[in-house]
């Protein structure tokens, strides 16, 4: 494969990946509404006073 073709192919792939990453970042910035979680208080839901309740049951794995 000639060097010019190798460079051209590499540049085309790099440009495509850069555009793909930019599109992904734009889409993820739009959908970030309400996804922040306070790691110091994970039971509290952000933007409201509701709290997440732990399950009221206990599961145990069988021991063999």
PDB file of N, CA and C in Angstrom:
ATOM      1  N   UNK A   1       0.866  -1.174   0.000  1.00  0.00           N
ATOM      2  CA  UNK A   1       0.000   0.000   0.000  1.00  0.00           C
ATOM      3  C   UNK A   1       0.912   1.237   0.000  1.00  0.00           C
ATOM      4  N   UNK A   2       0.695   2.127  -0.919  1.00  0.00           N
ATOM      5  CA  UNK A   2       1.528   3.336  -0.957  1.00  0.00           C
ATOM      6  C   UNK A   2       1.306   4.205   0.288  1.00  0.00           C
ATOM      7  N   UNK A   3       2.338   4.951   0.642  1.00  0.00           N
ATOM      8  CA  UNK A   3       2.278   5.781   1.841  1.00  0.00           C
ATOM      9  C   UNK A   3       1.174   6.829   1.729  1.00  0.00           C
ATOM     10  N   UNK A   4       1.009   7.435   0.539  1.00  0.00           N
ATOM     11  CA  UNK A   4      -0.019   8.467   0.391  1.00  0.00           C
ATOM     12  C   UNK A   4      -1.409   7.896   0.628  1.00  0.00           C
ATOM     13  N   UNK A   5      -1.640   6.648   0.184  1.00  0.00           N
ATOM     14  CA  UNK A   5      -2.939   6.013   0.375  1.00  0.00           C
ATOM     15  C   UNK A   5      -3.146   5.646   1.850  1.00  0.00           C
ATOM     16  N   UNK A   6      -2.081   5.194   2.487  1.00  0.00           N
ATOM     17  CA  UNK A   6      -2.153   4.871   3.907  1.00  0.00           C
ATOM     18  C   UNK A   6      -2.475   6.118   4.731  1.00  0.00           C
ATOM     19  N   UNK A   7      -1.800   7.231   4.441  1.00  0.00           N
ATOM     20  CA  UNK A   7      -2.062   8.489   5.149  1.00  0.00           C
ATOM     21  C   UNK A   7      -3.480   8.987   4.892  1.00  0.00           C
ATOM     22  N   UNK A   8      -3.927   8.901   3.640  1.00  0.00           N
ATOM     23  CA  UNK A   8      -5.268   9.341   3.288  1.00  0.00           C
ATOM     24  C   UNK A   8      -6.313   8.521   4.040  1.00  0.00           C
ATOM     25  N   UNK A   9      -6.142   7.207   4.060  1.00  0.00           N
ATOM     26  CA  UNK A   9      -7.081   6.327   4.744  1.00  0.00           C
ATOM     27  C   UNK A   9      -7.104   6.616   6.237  1.00  0.00           C
ATOM     28  N   UNK A  10      -5.928   6.786   6.846  1.00  0.00           N
ATOM     29  CA  UNK A  10      -5.852   7.082   8.265  1.00  0.00           C
ATOM     30  C   UNK A  10      -6.556   8.399   8.578  1.00  0.00           C
ATOM     31  N   UNK A  11      -6.318   9.422   7.767  1.00  0.00           N
ATOM     32  CA  UNK A  11      -6.947  10.730   7.993  1.00  0.00           C
ATOM     33  C   UNK A  11      -8.460  10.666   7.825  1.00  0.00           C
ATOM     34  N   UNK A  12      -8.948   9.906   6.877  1.00  0.00           N
ATOM     35  CA  UNK A  12     -10.385   9.767   6.679  1.00  0.00           C
ATOM     36  C   UNK A  12     -11.034   9.078   7.891  1.00  0.00           C
ATOM     37  N   UNK A  13     -10.387   8.038   8.394  1.00  0.00           N
ATOM     38  CA  UNK A  13     -10.928   7.326   9.555  1.00  0.00           C
ATOM     39  C   UNK A  13     -10.905   8.223  10.783  1.00  0.00           C
ATOM     40  N   UNK A  14      -9.799   8.962  10.973  1.00  0.00           N
ATOM     41  CA  UNK A  14      -9.693   9.855  12.129  1.00  0.00           C
ATOM     42  C   UNK A  14     -10.752  10.951  12.063  1.00  0.00           C
ATOM     43  N   UNK A  15     -10.997  11.499  10.883  1.00  0.00           N
ATOM     44  CA  UNK A  15     -12.019  12.538  10.716  1.00  0.00           C
ATOM     45  C   UNK A  15     -13.417  11.989  11.006  1.00  0.00           C
ATOM     46  N   UNK A  16     -13.703  10.792  10.536  1.00  0.00           N
ATOM     47  CA  UNK A  16     -15.001  10.162  10.781  1.00  0.00           C
ATOM     48  C   UNK A  16     -15.215   9.927  12.276  1.00  0.00           C
ATOM     49  N   UNK A  17     -14.187   9.411  12.959  1.00  0.00           N
ATOM     50  CA  UNK A  17     -14.304   9.153  14.391  1.00  0.00           C
ATOM     51  C   UNK A  17     -14.500  10.448  15.173  1.00  0.00           C
ATOM     52  N   UNK A  18     -13.829  11.529  14.753  1.00  0.00           N
ATOM     53  CA  UNK A  18     -13.974  12.817  15.433  1.00  0.00           C
ATOM     54  C   UNK A  18     -15.412  13.333  15.291  1.00  0.00           C
ATOM     55  N   UNK A  19     -15.982  13.234  14.097  1.00  0.00           N
ATOM     56  CA  UNK A  19     -17.365  13.662  13.886  1.00  0.00           C
ATOM     57  C   UNK A  19     -18.325  12.813  14.707  1.00  0.00           C
ATOM     58  N   UNK A  20     -18.064  11.519  14.775  1.00  0.00           N
ATOM     59  CA  UNK A  20     -18.903  10.612  15.550  1.00  0.00           C
ATOM     60  C   UNK A  20     -18.852  10.981  17.040  1.00  0.00           C
ATOM     61  N   UNK A  21     -17.664  11.282  17.555  1.00  0.00           N
ATOM     62  CA  UNK A  21     -17.529  11.671  18.959  1.00  0.00           C
ATOM     63  C   UNK A  21     -18.238  12.990  19.239  1.00  0.00           C
ATOM     64  N   UNK A  22     -18.127  13.947  18.326  1.00  0.00           N
ATOM     65  CA  UNK A  22     -18.806  15.228  18.507  1.00  0.00           C
ATOM     66  C   UNK A  22     -20.322  15.046  18.544  1.00  0.00           C
ATOM     67  N   UNK A  23     -20.848  14.215  17.659  1.00  0.00           N
ATOM     68  CA  UNK A  23     -22.283  13.962  17.633  1.00  0.00           C
ATOM     69  C   UNK A  23     -22.723  13.268  18.923  1.00  0.00           C
ATOM     70  N   UNK A  24     -21.911  12.362  19.411  1.00  0.00           N
ATOM     71  CA  UNK A  24     -22.245  11.653  20.657  1.00  0.00           C
ATOM     72  C   UNK A  24     -22.251  12.627  21.831  1.00  0.00           C
ATOM     73  N   UNK A  25     -21.277  13.525  21.890  1.00  0.00           N
ATOM     74  CA  UNK A  25     -21.233  14.514  22.975  1.00  0.00           C
ATOM     75  C   UNK A  25     -22.437  15.445  22.936  1.00  0.00           C
ATOM     76  N   UNK A  26     -22.823  15.870  21.737  1.00  0.00           N
ATOM     77  CA  UNK A  26     -23.997  16.744  21.616  1.00  0.00           C
ATOM     78  C   UNK A  26     -25.243  16.028  22.125  1.00  0.00           C
ATOM     79  N   UNK A  27     -25.408  14.776  21.731  1.00  0.00           N
ATOM     80  CA  UNK A  27     -26.588  14.017  22.143  1.00  0.00           C
ATOM     81  C   UNK A  27     -26.577  13.767  23.648  1.00  0.00           C
ATOM     82  N   UNK A  28     -25.422  13.498  24.218  1.00  0.00           N
ATOM     83  CA  UNK A  28     -25.372  13.221  25.647  1.00  0.00           C
ATOM     84  C   UNK A  28     -25.568  14.493  26.461  1.00  0.00           C
ATOM     85  N   UNK A  29     -25.172  15.641  25.950  1.00  0.00           N
ATOM     86  CA  UNK A  29     -25.389  16.899  26.665  1.00  0.00           C
ATOM     87  C   UNK A  29     -26.869  17.255  26.716  1.00  0.00           C
ATOM     88  N   UNK A  30     -27.603  16.918  25.684  1.00  0.00           N
ATOM     89  CA  UNK A  30     -29.037  17.209  25.653  1.00  0.00           C
ATOM     90  C   UNK A  30     -29.810  16.317  26.622  1.00  0.00           C
ATOM     91  N   UNK A  31     -29.338  15.090  26.824  1.00  0.00           N
ATOM     92  CA  UNK A  31     -30.071  14.144  27.649  1.00  0.00           C
ATOM     93  C   UNK A  31     -29.561  14.088  29.089  1.00  0.00           C
ATOM     94  N   UNK A  32     -28.781  15.043  29.527  1.00  0.00           N
ATOM     95  CA  UNK A  32     -28.233  15.028  30.885  1.00  0.00           C
ATOM     96  C   UNK A  32     -29.211  15.534  31.926  1.00  0.00           C
ATOM     97  N   UNK A  33     -30.394  15.860  31.563  1.00  0.00           N
ATOM     98  CA  UNK A  33     -31.376  16.394  32.495  1.00  0.00           C
ATOM     99  C   UNK A  33     -31.704  15.378  33.582  1.00  0.00           C
ATOM    100  N   UNK A  34     -31.439  15.725  34.846  1.00  0.00           N
ATOM    101  CA  UNK A  34     -31.830  14.884  35.962  1.00  0.00           C
ATOM    102  C   UNK A  34     -31.010  13.633  36.167  1.00  0.00           C
ATOM    103  N   UNK A  35     -29.819  13.546  35.596  1.00  0.00           N
ATOM    104  CA  UNK A  35     -29.022  12.347  35.771  1.00  0.00           C
ATOM    105  C   UNK A  35     -27.934  12.509  36.817  1.00  0.00           C
ATOM    106  N   UNK A  36     -27.804  13.678  37.423  1.00  0.00           N
ATOM    107  CA  UNK A  36     -26.789  13.890  38.438  1.00  0.00           C
ATOM    108  C   UNK A  36     -27.236  13.273  39.754  1.00  0.00           C
ATOM    109  N   UNK A  37     -26.328  12.548  40.392  1.00  0.00           N
ATOM    110  CA  UNK A  37     -26.613  11.908  41.672  1.00  0.00           C
ATOM    111  C   UNK A  37     -25.596  12.424  42.675  1.00  0.00           C
ATOM    112  N   UNK A  38     -26.073  12.803  43.842  1.00  0.00           N
ATOM    113  CA  UNK A  38     -25.196  13.247  44.910  1.00  0.00           C
ATOM    114  C   UNK A  38     -24.569  12.009  45.543  1.00  0.00           C
ATOM    115  N   UNK A  39     -23.244  11.833  45.373  1.00  0.00           N
ATOM    116  CA  UNK A  39     -22.589  10.630  45.868  1.00  0.00           C
ATOM    117  C   UNK A  39     -22.459  10.629  47.384  1.00  0.00           C
ATOM    118  N   UNK A  40     -22.544  11.790  48.023  1.00  0.00           N
ATOM    119  CA  UNK A  40     -22.495  11.843  49.474  1.00  0.00           C
ATOM    120  C   UNK A  40     -23.805  11.392  50.097  1.00  0.00           C
ATOM    121  N   UNK A  41     -24.909  11.514  49.357  1.00  0.00           N
ATOM    122  CA  UNK A  41     -26.226  11.127  49.846  1.00  0.00           C
ATOM    123  C   UNK A  41     -26.972  10.417  48.714  1.00  0.00           C
ATOM    124  N   UNK A  42     -26.595   9.163  48.391  1.00  0.00           N
ATOM    125  CA  UNK A  42     -27.172   8.502  47.226  1.00  0.00           C
ATOM    126  C   UNK A  42     -28.644   8.140  47.362  1.00  0.00           C
ATOM    127  N   UNK A  43     -29.182   8.113  48.576  1.00  0.00           N
ATOM    128  CA  UNK A  43     -30.586   7.761  48.752  1.00  0.00           C
ATOM    129  C   UNK A  43     -31.520   8.890  48.391  1.00  0.00           C
ATOM    130  N   UNK A  44     -31.013  10.100  48.317  1.00  0.00           N
ATOM    131  CA  UNK A  44     -31.860  11.249  48.019  1.00  0.00           C
ATOM    132  C   UNK A  44     -31.875  11.509  46.516  1.00  0.00           C
ATOM    133  N   UNK A  45     -33.057  11.642  45.979  1.00  0.00           N
ATOM    134  CA  UNK A  45     -33.226  11.913  44.559  1.00  0.00           C
ATOM    135  C   UNK A  45     -33.017  13.402  44.325  1.00  0.00           C
ATOM    136  N   UNK A  46     -32.163  13.790  43.378  1.00  0.00           N
ATOM    137  CA  UNK A  46     -31.957  15.203  43.127  1.00  0.00           C
ATOM    138  C   UNK A  46     -33.209  15.871  42.552  1.00  0.00           C
ATOM    139  N   UNK A  47     -33.374  17.139  42.809  1.00  0.00           N
ATOM    140  CA  UNK A  47     -34.476  17.962  42.291  1.00  0.00           C
ATOM    141  C   UNK A  47     -35.840  17.580  42.859  1.00  0.00           C
ATOM    142  N   UNK A  48     -35.885  16.859  43.937  1.00  0.00           N
ATOM    143  CA  UNK A  48     -37.160  16.584  44.585  1.00  0.00           C
ATOM    144  C   UNK A  48     -36.890  16.132  46.017  1.00  0.00           C
ATOM    145  N   UNK A  49     -37.921  16.048  46.808  1.00  0.00           N
ATOM    146  CA  UNK A  49     -37.742  15.656  48.204  1.00  0.00           C
ATOM    147  C   UNK A  49     -37.998  14.162  48.417  1.00  0.00           C
ATOM    148  N   UNK A  50     -38.297  13.436  47.353  1.00  0.00           N
ATOM    149  CA  UNK A  50     -38.538  11.997  47.476  1.00  0.00           C
ATOM    150  C   UNK A  50     -37.226  11.274  47.754  1.00  0.00           C
ATOM    151  N   UNK A  51     -37.311  10.176  48.490  1.00  0.00           N
ATOM    152  CA  UNK A  51     -36.128   9.359  48.743  1.00  0.00           C
ATOM    153  C   UNK A  51     -36.363   7.960  48.196  1.00  0.00           C
ATOM    154  N   UNK A  52     -35.277   7.344  47.778  1.00  0.00           N
ATOM    155  CA  UNK A  52     -35.353   5.990  47.264  1.00  0.00           C
ATOM    156  C   UNK A  52     -35.447   5.035  48.438  1.00  0.00           C
ATOM    157  N   UNK A  53     -36.423   4.146  48.394  1.00  0.00           N
ATOM    158  CA  UNK A  53     -36.622   3.201  49.485  1.00  0.00           C
ATOM    159  C   UNK A  53     -35.846   1.921  49.190  1.00  0.00           C
ATOM    160  N   UNK A  54     -35.186   1.363  50.199  1.00  0.00           N
ATOM    161  CA  UNK A  54     -34.516   0.082  49.990  1.00  0.00           C
ATOM    162  C   UNK A  54     -35.557  -1.023  49.860  1.00  0.00           C
ATOM    163  N   UNK A  55     -35.219  -2.140  49.254  1.00  0.00           N
ATOM    164  CA  UNK A  55     -36.182  -3.221  49.108  1.00  0.00           C
ATOM    165  C   UNK A  55     -36.617  -3.754  50.475  1.00  0.00           C
ATOM    166  N   UNK A  56     -37.865  -4.195  50.564  1.00  0.00           N
ATOM    167  CA  UNK A  56     -38.412  -4.681  51.834  1.00  0.00           C
ATOM    168  C   UNK A  56     -38.233  -6.190  51.999  1.00  0.00           C
ATOM    169  N   UNK A  57     -37.393  -6.781  51.182  1.00  0.00           N
ATOM    170  CA  UNK A  57     -37.164  -8.210  51.264  1.00  0.00           C
ATOM    171  C   UNK A  57     -35.658  -8.486  51.275  1.00  0.00           C
ATOM    172  N   UNK A  58     -35.277  -9.655  51.725  1.00  0.00           N
ATOM    173  CA  UNK A  58     -33.876 -10.037  51.777  1.00  0.00           C
ATOM    174  C   UNK A  58     -33.735 -11.331  50.977  1.00  0.00           C
ATOM    175  N   UNK A  59     -32.777 -11.350  50.081  1.00  0.00           N
ATOM    176  CA  UNK A  59     -32.529 -12.570  49.318  1.00  0.00           C
ATOM    177  C   UNK A  59     -31.228 -13.191  49.797  1.00  0.00           C
ATOM    178  N   UNK A  60     -31.214 -14.481  49.839  1.00  0.00           N
ATOM    179  CA  UNK A  60     -30.022 -15.203  50.234  1.00  0.00           C
ATOM    180  C   UNK A  60     -29.678 -16.219  49.159  1.00  0.00           C
ATOM    181  N   UNK A  61     -28.412 -16.298  48.845  1.00  0.00           N
ATOM    182  CA  UNK A  61     -27.960 -17.281  47.867  1.00  0.00           C
ATOM    183  C   UNK A  61     -27.816 -18.632  48.558  1.00  0.00           C
ATOM    184  N   UNK A  62     -28.158 -19.674  47.858  1.00  0.00           N
ATOM    185  CA  UNK A  62     -28.026 -21.002  48.453  1.00  0.00           C
ATOM    186  C   UNK A  62     -26.543 -21.379  48.498  1.00  0.00           C
ATOM    187  N   UNK A  63     -26.165 -22.058  49.584  1.00  0.00           N
ATOM    188  CA  UNK A  63     -24.779 -22.496  49.742  1.00  0.00           C
ATOM    189  C   UNK A  63     -24.710 -23.985  49.496  1.00  0.00           C
ATOM    190  N   UNK A  64     -23.830 -24.372  48.630  1.00  0.00           N
ATOM    191  CA  UNK A  64     -23.670 -25.803  48.315  1.00  0.00           C
ATOM    192  C   UNK A  64     -22.305 -26.271  48.688  1.00  0.00           C
TER     193      UNK A  64
END
